[in-house]
């Protein structure tokens, strides 16, 4: 069963937006869908993704993503399984 902690849609941020969290106490999953181009850094490798991309972060993973070339807009949901 999925237990939703928090969800947000059409979250909008400026072109300088970067989210970084390497907290070891984050025990929830994060599903994120972009509406704009974005970068994601996974295992020290950067990926540039087009709009309408999605990524699923497992618990305890380092979260590192942000705007690419323009503002950043996304939907996201944090949940437990």
C-alpha atoms as a PDB file:
ATOM      1  CA  UNK A   1       0.000   0.000   0.000  1.00  0.00           C
ATOM      2  CA  UNK A   2       1.136   3.555  -0.689  1.00  0.00           C
ATOM      3  CA  UNK A   3       0.994   6.139   2.081  1.00  0.00           C
ATOM      4  CA  UNK A   4       1.211   9.645   0.591  1.00  0.00           C
ATOM      5  CA  UNK A   5       3.138  12.137   2.703  1.00  0.00           C
ATOM      6  CA  UNK A   6       2.868  15.223   0.517  1.00  0.00           C
ATOM      7  CA  UNK A   7       2.153  16.115  -3.103  1.00  0.00           C
ATOM      8  CA  UNK A   8       2.394  19.300  -5.147  1.00  0.00           C
ATOM      9  CA  UNK A   9       1.614  20.176  -8.740  1.00  0.00           C
ATOM     10  CA  UNK A  10       2.774  22.961 -11.049  1.00  0.00           C
ATOM     11  CA  UNK A  11       5.517  23.976  -8.627  1.00  0.00           C
ATOM     12  CA  UNK A  12       7.351  26.793 -10.383  1.00  0.00           C
ATOM     13  CA  UNK A  13      10.891  28.052  -9.716  1.00  0.00           C
ATOM     14  CA  UNK A  14      13.302  30.471 -11.374  1.00  0.00           C
ATOM     15  CA  UNK A  15      16.068  29.636 -13.811  1.00  0.00           C
ATOM     16  CA  UNK A  16      18.594  29.402 -10.958  1.00  0.00           C
ATOM     17  CA  UNK A  17      16.649  26.676  -9.127  1.00  0.00           C
ATOM     18  CA  UNK A  18      18.723  23.760  -7.797  1.00  0.00           C
ATOM     19  CA  UNK A  19      17.487  21.201  -5.271  1.00  0.00           C
ATOM     20  CA  UNK A  20      20.105  19.223  -3.372  1.00  0.00           C
ATOM     21  CA  UNK A  21      19.522  16.927  -0.403  1.00  0.00           C
ATOM     22  CA  UNK A  22      21.822  14.135   0.737  1.00  0.00           C
ATOM     23  CA  UNK A  23      20.118  13.604   4.090  1.00  0.00           C
ATOM     24  CA  UNK A  24      20.480  10.054   5.378  1.00  0.00           C
ATOM     25  CA  UNK A  25      17.217  10.168   7.330  1.00  0.00           C
ATOM     26  CA  UNK A  26      14.904  10.535   4.319  1.00  0.00           C
ATOM     27  CA  UNK A  27      12.996   7.257   4.337  1.00  0.00           C
ATOM     28  CA  UNK A  28      10.385   8.146   1.724  1.00  0.00           C
ATOM     29  CA  UNK A  29      10.156   7.755  -2.051  1.00  0.00           C
ATOM     30  CA  UNK A  30       9.953  10.763  -4.399  1.00  0.00           C
ATOM     31  CA  UNK A  31       8.235  10.651  -7.786  1.00  0.00           C
ATOM     32  CA  UNK A  32       8.912  13.798  -9.783  1.00  0.00           C
ATOM     33  CA  UNK A  33       7.590  14.800 -13.219  1.00  0.00           C
ATOM     34  CA  UNK A  34       8.976  17.854 -15.009  1.00  0.00           C
ATOM     35  CA  UNK A  35       7.079  20.305 -17.212  1.00  0.00           C
ATOM     36  CA  UNK A  36      10.257  22.041 -18.383  1.00  0.00           C
ATOM     37  CA  UNK A  37      13.784  20.930 -19.317  1.00  0.00           C
ATOM     38  CA  UNK A  38      15.713  19.865 -16.225  1.00  0.00           C
ATOM     39  CA  UNK A  39      19.006  18.404 -15.097  1.00  0.00           C
ATOM     40  CA  UNK A  40      19.364  15.446 -12.755  1.00  0.00           C
ATOM     41  CA  UNK A  41      22.589  14.239 -11.194  1.00  0.00           C
ATOM     42  CA  UNK A  42      22.558  10.539 -10.375  1.00  0.00           C
ATOM     43  CA  UNK A  43      25.675   8.734  -9.154  1.00  0.00           C
ATOM     44  CA  UNK A  44      27.776  11.809 -10.026  1.00  0.00           C
ATOM     45  CA  UNK A  45      26.598  11.796 -13.651  1.00  0.00           C
ATOM     46  CA  UNK A  46      24.518  14.667 -15.050  1.00  0.00           C
ATOM     47  CA  UNK A  47      21.508  13.977 -17.271  1.00  0.00           C
ATOM     48  CA  UNK A  48      19.703  16.712 -19.200  1.00  0.00           C
ATOM     49  CA  UNK A  49      16.076  15.700 -19.612  1.00  0.00           C
ATOM     50  CA  UNK A  50      13.306  17.148 -21.790  1.00  0.00           C
ATOM     51  CA  UNK A  51       9.947  18.375 -20.509  1.00  0.00           C
ATOM     52  CA  UNK A  52       7.529  15.669 -19.331  1.00  0.00           C
ATOM     53  CA  UNK A  53      10.316  13.504 -17.929  1.00  0.00           C
ATOM     54  CA  UNK A  54       9.864  11.545 -14.722  1.00  0.00           C
ATOM     55  CA  UNK A  55      12.240  10.172 -12.126  1.00  0.00           C
ATOM     56  CA  UNK A  56      11.614   7.947  -9.132  1.00  0.00           C
ATOM     57  CA  UNK A  57      14.038   8.416  -6.244  1.00  0.00           C
ATOM     58  CA  UNK A  58      14.205   5.607  -3.670  1.00  0.00           C
ATOM     59  CA  UNK A  59      14.574   6.258   0.062  1.00  0.00           C
ATOM     60  CA  UNK A  60      17.988   7.562   1.176  1.00  0.00           C
ATOM     61  CA  UNK A  61      19.061   8.495  -2.380  1.00  0.00           C
ATOM     62  CA  UNK A  62      20.792  11.827  -2.895  1.00  0.00           C
ATOM     63  CA  UNK A  63      18.382  14.255  -4.548  1.00  0.00           C
ATOM     64  CA  UNK A  64      20.067  16.649  -6.964  1.00  0.00           C
ATOM     65  CA  UNK A  65      18.127  18.289  -9.773  1.00  0.00           C
ATOM     66  CA  UNK A  66      17.144  21.687 -11.105  1.00  0.00           C
ATOM     67  CA  UNK A  67      16.353  24.093 -13.909  1.00  0.00           C
ATOM     68  CA  UNK A  68      18.048  23.739 -17.269  1.00  0.00           C
ATOM     69  CA  UNK A  69      18.208  26.841 -19.504  1.00  0.00           C
ATOM     70  CA  UNK A  70      14.964  28.376 -18.219  1.00  0.00           C
ATOM     71  CA  UNK A  71      12.580  28.283 -15.279  1.00  0.00           C
ATOM     72  CA  UNK A  72      11.730  24.968 -13.605  1.00  0.00           C
ATOM     73  CA  UNK A  73       8.211  23.582 -13.233  1.00  0.00           C
ATOM     74  CA  UNK A  74       7.270  20.172 -11.872  1.00  0.00           C
ATOM     75  CA  UNK A  75       4.789  17.943 -10.061  1.00  0.00           C
ATOM     76  CA  UNK A  76       5.954  15.695  -7.245  1.00  0.00           C
ATOM     77  CA  UNK A  77       4.746  13.246  -4.657  1.00  0.00           C
ATOM     78  CA  UNK A  78       6.493  11.928  -1.543  1.00  0.00           C
ATOM     79  CA  UNK A  79       5.289   8.578  -0.281  1.00  0.00           C
ATOM     80  CA  UNK A  80       5.992   5.437   1.729  1.00  0.00           C
ATOM     81  CA  UNK A  81       5.475   1.896   0.493  1.00  0.00           C
END
